[in-house]
Amino acid sequence: MKTLEYSGHGQTPIVAERPVPKARMGEVLVKIAGAALNPLDTKIHAGYMTDFFPVTFPHVPGTDISGTIEAIGDGASGWKQGDEIIARLDPFEGGAFAQYAIVPAGQLVRAPTSMPLAESAGLVTVGGTAWQILFEEHAITPGQRVLVHGAAGPVGAFVVQLAAQAGAEVFATASAEDADYVRALGATQVIDYRTQRFEDHLSDMDLVIDTVGDDVEERSLKVLKQGGTLIATPMPPDEERARQAGVQAKFVFHASDAVKLGHVAERADHGIKVRIDRMIGLEEGSDAFARQAGGSTKGKIIFTPQG
């Protein structure tokens, strides 16, 4: 099978050949339709995450896949050949950027039927992270006022959609060129972060989600109501500073969970959408990693390994 792999941190990803793996006890072999590139993949590639995600070389990166079950190992009950699935692979192991991957049966989720199978790979990590923020770390309820920073980004876009579906009043920061897109996701007000300071226009927020970092965290404390919550994804927030402001602050780093991903797939069949930057082959891997690392993407980059 074809794979996209690299032999050292920072080295150019290249297309290589490996044997098709075999499903063992409790595993299935998946023929990959789509594999989504995430910021974590480029950080691991650059060597920024070696303390948390050490990898062995050569390494086939990637975690987020969609595809069809090709073969089933002993003990992998409840699935049959040809079933369409989405799943998140172990980030320590990677393996998504290939034509086939082995997945533990307990990590499989039935793919949503509302979008092309390859595109549904774009739901996996970002959708799961958004779910984790809103329903595990916070427990969103109808009528709450929610501010989403970086609302046009992959995680922010999912948060806007899920929060709006839950009946929250959603406010957002994004560039002017993305304002219509973010409003279409469900935001009632979009503030252009390049020309306006959101704290001059908003207040009394129950929840602020910061997917941006830098000084956004400190400024967001000014718009939260007493007892409100700030949830950050770029890095752990200053919890003591939040306490002094009368609010709480939390950090979310995505944790794989098939139950959580199942909720995301269900929401996708009720209107949640994935924004696609581009669909590409494995041979375009080097350019894709550079584009993702450079921060110029508009949505998800999806590899289609079968060509």
Protein backbone atom coordinates (compact mmCIF):
# COMPACT_ATOMS: atom_id res chain seq x y z
CA MET A 1 0.00 0.00 0.00
CA LYS A 2 1.01 3.63 -0.43
CA THR A 3 1.84 5.70 2.65
CA LEU A 4 2.93 9.25 3.35
CA GLU A 5 5.83 9.15 5.81
CA TYR A 6 8.95 10.92 6.99
CA SER A 7 12.23 9.69 8.46
CA GLY A 8 12.97 12.45 10.95
CA HIS A 9 11.55 15.61 12.50
CA GLY A 10 11.31 18.34 9.89
CA GLN A 11 12.17 16.04 6.99
CA THR A 12 10.04 16.21 3.85
CA PRO A 13 7.11 13.76 3.88
CA ILE A 14 7.37 11.34 0.95
CA VAL A 15 5.19 8.65 -0.58
CA ALA A 16 6.46 5.16 0.23
CA GLU A 17 5.30 1.55 -0.01
CA ARG A 18 4.49 -0.72 2.93
CA PRO A 19 2.74 -4.07 3.24
CA VAL A 20 -0.99 -3.94 3.94
CA PRO A 21 -1.33 -4.67 7.68
CA LYS A 22 -3.45 -7.55 9.01
CA ALA A 23 -6.21 -7.23 11.57
CA ARG A 24 -5.51 -9.05 14.83
CA MET A 25 -7.79 -9.89 17.75
CA GLY A 26 -10.32 -7.11 18.31
CA GLU A 27 -9.16 -5.08 15.29
CA VAL A 28 -10.43 -4.25 11.83
CA LEU A 29 -8.62 -3.30 8.63
CA VAL A 30 -10.02 -0.09 7.14
CA LYS A 31 -9.65 0.96 3.51
CA ILE A 32 -9.18 4.71 3.96
CA ALA A 33 -11.39 7.08 1.96
CA GLY A 34 -10.28 10.27 3.68
CA ALA A 35 -7.66 11.31 6.24
CA ALA A 36 -7.73 14.79 7.76
CA LEU A 37 -4.58 16.79 8.47
CA ASN A 38 -4.52 18.49 11.89
CA PRO A 39 -2.23 21.06 13.52
CA LEU A 40 -1.07 18.30 15.87
CA ASP A 41 0.30 16.39 12.87
CA THR A 42 2.48 19.31 11.78
CA LYS A 43 3.66 19.98 15.34
CA ILE A 44 4.72 16.35 15.76
CA HIS A 45 6.42 16.51 12.36
CA ALA A 46 8.34 19.66 13.35
CA GLY A 47 9.51 18.07 16.61
CA TYR A 48 7.58 20.42 18.89
CA MET A 49 5.74 17.59 20.69
CA THR A 50 8.51 15.09 21.37
CA ASP A 51 7.96 15.20 25.16
CA PHE A 52 4.30 14.28 24.73
CA PHE A 53 4.20 12.34 21.45
CA PRO A 54 7.53 10.63 20.76
CA VAL A 55 7.46 8.74 17.46
CA THR A 56 9.66 6.14 15.84
CA PHE A 57 10.96 6.60 12.30
CA PRO A 58 10.01 6.19 9.57
CA HIS A 59 6.69 7.54 10.76
CA VAL A 60 3.31 7.53 8.99
CA PRO A 61 1.46 10.46 10.56
CA GLY A 62 -2.22 11.24 10.95
CA THR A 63 -5.07 10.27 13.25
CA ASP A 64 -8.43 11.16 11.63
CA ILE A 65 -9.86 8.71 9.11
CA SER A 66 -12.99 7.72 7.29
CA GLY A 67 -13.35 4.62 5.17
CA THR A 68 -14.83 1.17 4.72
CA ILE A 69 -14.11 -2.00 6.66
CA GLU A 70 -11.99 -4.29 4.50
CA ALA A 71 -11.32 -7.17 6.93
CA ILE A 72 -12.29 -8.09 10.49
CA GLY A 73 -10.11 -9.75 13.10
CA ASP A 74 -11.33 -12.30 15.63
CA GLY A 75 -13.39 -10.80 18.42
CA ALA A 76 -14.27 -7.60 16.53
CA SER A 77 -18.03 -8.10 16.76
CA GLY A 78 -20.77 -5.76 15.58
CA TRP A 79 -19.14 -4.86 12.28
CA LYS A 80 -19.12 -6.31 8.79
CA GLN A 81 -17.07 -5.89 5.65
CA GLY A 82 -18.14 -2.78 3.72
CA ASP A 83 -19.40 -0.82 6.75
CA GLU A 84 -18.57 2.89 6.44
CA ILE A 85 -16.82 4.29 9.51
CA ILE A 86 -14.96 7.22 11.01
CA ALA A 87 -12.31 6.83 13.71
CA ARG A 88 -9.38 8.48 15.45
CA LEU A 89 -6.12 6.58 15.55
CA ASP A 90 -3.69 6.73 18.46
CA PRO A 91 -1.55 9.89 17.95
CA PHE A 92 1.47 8.01 19.32
CA GLU A 93 1.15 5.53 16.47
CA GLY A 94 -0.32 7.63 13.63
CA GLY A 95 -1.00 5.73 10.45
CA ALA A 96 -3.84 7.72 8.89
CA PHE A 97 -1.99 8.94 5.80
CA ALA A 98 -2.02 5.60 4.04
CA GLN A 99 -4.33 3.50 1.91
CA TYR A 100 -5.17 1.15 4.80
CA ALA A 101 -5.10 1.34 8.59
CA ILE A 102 -5.70 -0.96 11.53
CA VAL A 103 -8.28 0.29 14.04
CA PRO A 104 -9.40 -1.27 17.35
CA ALA A 105 -13.07 -2.17 16.91
CA GLY A 106 -13.98 -0.21 20.04
CA GLN A 107 -12.84 3.03 18.39
CA LEU A 108 -15.05 2.70 15.30
CA VAL A 109 -18.06 4.95 14.75
CA ARG A 110 -20.54 4.66 11.90
CA ALA A 111 -19.95 7.42 9.39
CA PRO A 112 -22.66 10.04 8.95
CA THR A 113 -24.74 9.64 5.80
CA SER A 114 -25.20 13.38 5.23
CA MET A 115 -21.81 14.04 3.60
CA PRO A 116 -19.36 12.30 1.28
CA LEU A 117 -17.43 9.61 3.14
CA ALA A 118 -13.99 11.13 2.48
CA GLU A 119 -15.09 14.52 3.84
CA SER A 120 -16.38 13.00 7.08
CA ALA A 121 -12.77 12.45 8.17
CA GLY A 122 -12.79 16.19 8.84
CA LEU A 123 -15.24 15.69 11.71
CA VAL A 124 -13.07 13.57 13.90
CA THR A 125 -10.67 15.58 16.09
CA VAL A 126 -12.19 19.04 15.66
CA GLY A 127 -15.74 17.82 16.17
CA GLY A 128 -14.72 15.75 19.16
CA THR A 129 -12.88 18.71 20.68
CA ALA A 130 -15.91 20.97 20.23
CA TRP A 131 -18.15 18.35 21.84
CA GLN A 132 -15.73 17.98 24.73
CA ILE A 133 -15.74 21.75 25.31
CA LEU A 134 -19.49 22.27 25.24
CA PHE A 135 -20.92 19.10 26.73
CA GLU A 136 -18.21 17.65 28.97
CA GLU A 137 -16.26 20.62 30.30
CA HIS A 138 -19.17 23.04 30.40
CA ALA A 139 -22.64 21.48 29.87
CA ILE A 140 -24.14 24.08 27.54
CA THR A 141 -27.82 24.97 28.02
CA PRO A 142 -30.35 26.93 25.92
CA GLY A 143 -30.17 30.69 26.30
CA GLN A 144 -26.56 30.87 27.45
CA ARG A 145 -24.40 33.59 25.89
CA VAL A 146 -21.32 32.09 24.28
CA LEU A 147 -18.37 33.88 22.67
CA VAL A 148 -16.20 31.88 20.26
CA HIS A 149 -12.78 33.23 19.29
CA GLY A 150 -11.38 32.02 15.99
CA ALA A 151 -14.87 31.06 14.92
CA ALA A 152 -13.91 30.45 11.28
CA GLY A 153 -11.21 27.95 12.26
CA PRO A 154 -11.97 24.21 12.31
CA VAL A 155 -12.60 23.87 16.07
CA GLY A 156 -14.28 27.27 16.36
CA ALA A 157 -16.64 26.52 13.49
CA PHE A 158 -17.78 23.30 15.15
CA VAL A 159 -18.26 25.06 18.48
CA VAL A 160 -20.44 27.71 16.82
CA GLN A 161 -22.59 25.07 15.14
CA LEU A 162 -22.98 22.83 18.18
CA ALA A 163 -23.68 25.74 20.53
CA ALA A 164 -26.30 27.17 18.17
CA GLN A 165 -27.94 23.75 17.84
CA ALA A 166 -28.05 23.57 21.64
CA GLY A 167 -30.00 26.84 21.77
CA ALA A 168 -27.22 29.14 22.94
CA GLU A 169 -26.85 32.73 21.75
CA VAL A 170 -23.54 32.66 19.92
CA PHE A 171 -21.17 35.58 19.42
CA ALA A 172 -17.94 35.26 17.49
CA THR A 173 -14.68 36.87 16.44
CA ALA A 174 -13.38 36.30 12.94
CA SER A 175 -12.01 38.26 10.00
CA ALA A 176 -14.41 40.37 7.95
CA GLU A 177 -14.00 38.03 4.98
CA ASP A 178 -15.23 35.11 7.09
CA ALA A 179 -18.11 36.96 8.77
CA ASP A 180 -20.84 35.70 6.44
CA TYR A 181 -19.56 32.13 6.80
CA VAL A 182 -19.61 32.33 10.60
CA ARG A 183 -23.08 33.87 10.67
CA ALA A 184 -24.29 31.03 8.44
CA LEU A 185 -22.99 28.60 11.07
CA GLY A 186 -25.28 30.16 13.67
CA ALA A 187 -23.52 33.19 15.18
CA THR A 188 -25.82 36.15 15.86
CA GLN A 189 -22.98 38.71 15.92
CA VAL A 190 -19.52 38.52 14.36
CA ILE A 191 -16.81 40.97 15.39
CA ASP A 192 -13.90 41.63 13.04
CA TYR A 193 -10.89 41.03 15.27
CA ARG A 194 -8.66 43.05 12.93
CA THR A 195 -10.54 46.32 13.30
CA GLN A 196 -12.51 45.99 16.56
CA ARG A 197 -11.84 45.02 20.14
CA PHE A 198 -14.49 42.52 21.18
CA GLU A 199 -14.42 43.70 24.82
CA ASP A 200 -15.73 47.08 23.68
CA HIS A 201 -18.86 45.46 22.25
CA LEU A 202 -19.67 42.42 24.39
CA SER A 203 -20.36 41.63 28.03
CA ASP A 204 -22.22 39.23 30.32
CA MET A 205 -20.97 36.05 28.63
CA ASP A 206 -21.61 32.69 30.27
CA LEU A 207 -18.85 31.00 28.30
CA VAL A 208 -15.87 32.10 26.22
CA ILE A 209 -14.00 29.61 24.03
CA ASP A 210 -10.49 30.75 23.11
CA THR A 211 -8.97 28.91 20.15
CA VAL A 212 -6.56 31.79 19.42
CA GLY A 213 -4.32 32.42 22.45
CA ASP A 214 -1.97 35.38 23.02
CA ASP A 215 -3.73 38.29 24.77
CA VAL A 216 -7.23 37.03 23.92
CA GLU A 217 -7.36 35.10 27.20
CA GLU A 218 -6.79 38.11 29.46
CA ARG A 219 -9.14 40.33 27.44
CA SER A 220 -11.85 37.65 27.53
CA LEU A 221 -12.01 37.78 31.32
CA LYS A 222 -13.52 41.27 30.96
CA VAL A 223 -16.57 40.04 29.04
CA LEU A 224 -17.49 37.09 31.26
CA LYS A 225 -20.23 37.38 33.84
CA GLN A 226 -19.35 36.50 37.42
CA GLY A 227 -19.15 32.73 37.69
CA GLY A 228 -18.66 32.37 33.94
CA THR A 229 -16.18 30.05 32.26
CA LEU A 230 -13.23 30.51 29.93
CA ILE A 231 -12.12 27.42 28.01
CA ALA A 232 -8.85 27.58 26.07
CA THR A 233 -7.41 25.17 23.51
CA PRO A 234 -3.98 26.65 22.52
CA MET A 235 -2.45 26.40 25.99
CA PRO A 236 -3.50 26.16 29.66
CA PRO A 237 -5.01 29.47 30.83
CA ASP A 238 -4.01 31.35 33.96
CA GLU A 239 -6.44 29.86 36.49
CA GLU A 240 -5.37 32.17 39.32
CA ARG A 241 -5.98 35.27 37.22
CA ALA A 242 -9.41 33.88 36.32
CA ARG A 243 -10.25 33.27 39.99
CA GLN A 244 -9.31 36.83 40.82
CA ALA A 245 -11.75 37.97 38.12
CA GLY A 246 -14.52 35.83 39.61
CA VAL A 247 -14.63 33.27 36.82
CA GLN A 248 -13.13 29.85 36.14
CA ALA A 249 -10.68 28.86 33.43
CA LYS A 250 -10.08 25.45 31.87
CA PHE A 251 -7.80 23.91 29.27
CA VAL A 252 -9.06 21.33 26.77
CA PHE A 253 -6.84 18.96 24.83
CA HIS A 254 -8.74 16.45 22.74
CA ALA A 255 -9.12 12.98 24.24
CA SER A 256 -10.24 10.22 21.88
CA ASP A 257 -13.57 8.66 22.74
CA ALA A 258 -15.82 6.66 20.40
CA VAL A 259 -18.94 7.65 22.36
CA LYS A 260 -18.10 11.34 21.94
CA LEU A 261 -17.35 10.85 18.25
CA GLY A 262 -20.65 9.05 17.86
CA HIS A 263 -22.44 12.16 19.13
CA VAL A 264 -20.54 14.26 16.55
CA ALA A 265 -21.53 11.89 13.73
CA GLU A 266 -25.14 12.11 14.84
CA ARG A 267 -25.00 15.91 14.83
CA ALA A 268 -23.52 15.80 11.33
CA ASP A 269 -26.65 14.02 10.19
CA HIS A 270 -28.62 16.91 11.69
CA GLY A 271 -26.86 19.67 9.80
CA ILE A 272 -23.34 20.07 11.19
CA LYS A 273 -20.97 20.74 8.29
CA VAL A 274 -17.25 20.44 7.61
CA ARG A 275 -15.46 23.25 5.79
CA ILE A 276 -13.02 21.76 3.29
CA ASP A 277 -9.85 23.61 2.34
CA ARG A 278 -8.85 21.01 -0.27
CA MET A 279 -8.99 17.31 -1.11
CA ILE A 280 -5.59 16.02 -2.19
CA GLY A 281 -3.57 12.89 -2.87
CA LEU A 282 -0.71 11.59 -0.76
CA GLU A 283 1.78 12.87 -3.32
CA GLU A 284 0.86 16.43 -2.31
CA GLY A 285 1.76 15.75 1.31
CA SER A 286 4.78 18.04 1.53
CA ASP A 287 2.81 21.05 0.30
CA ALA A 288 -0.10 20.17 2.59
CA PHE A 289 2.11 20.06 5.69
CA ALA A 290 3.61 23.43 4.77
CA ARG A 291 0.18 24.97 4.18
CA GLN A 292 -1.19 23.64 7.48
CA ALA A 293 1.86 24.76 9.45
CA GLY A 294 1.69 28.21 7.84
CA GLY A 295 -1.84 28.81 9.10
CA SER A 296 -3.29 29.69 5.70
CA THR A 297 -5.91 26.96 5.50
CA LYS A 298 -9.63 27.67 5.20
CA GLY A 299 -11.06 24.51 6.68
CA LYS A 300 -9.74 20.96 6.62
CA ILE A 301 -7.14 19.46 4.30
CA ILE A 302 -8.27 15.93 3.47
CA PHE A 303 -6.03 13.30 1.93
CA THR A 304 -7.75 10.82 -0.38
CA PRO A 305 -5.21 7.97 -0.35
CA GLN A 306 -6.95 5.78 -2.90
CA GLY A 307 -6.44 8.40 -5.63
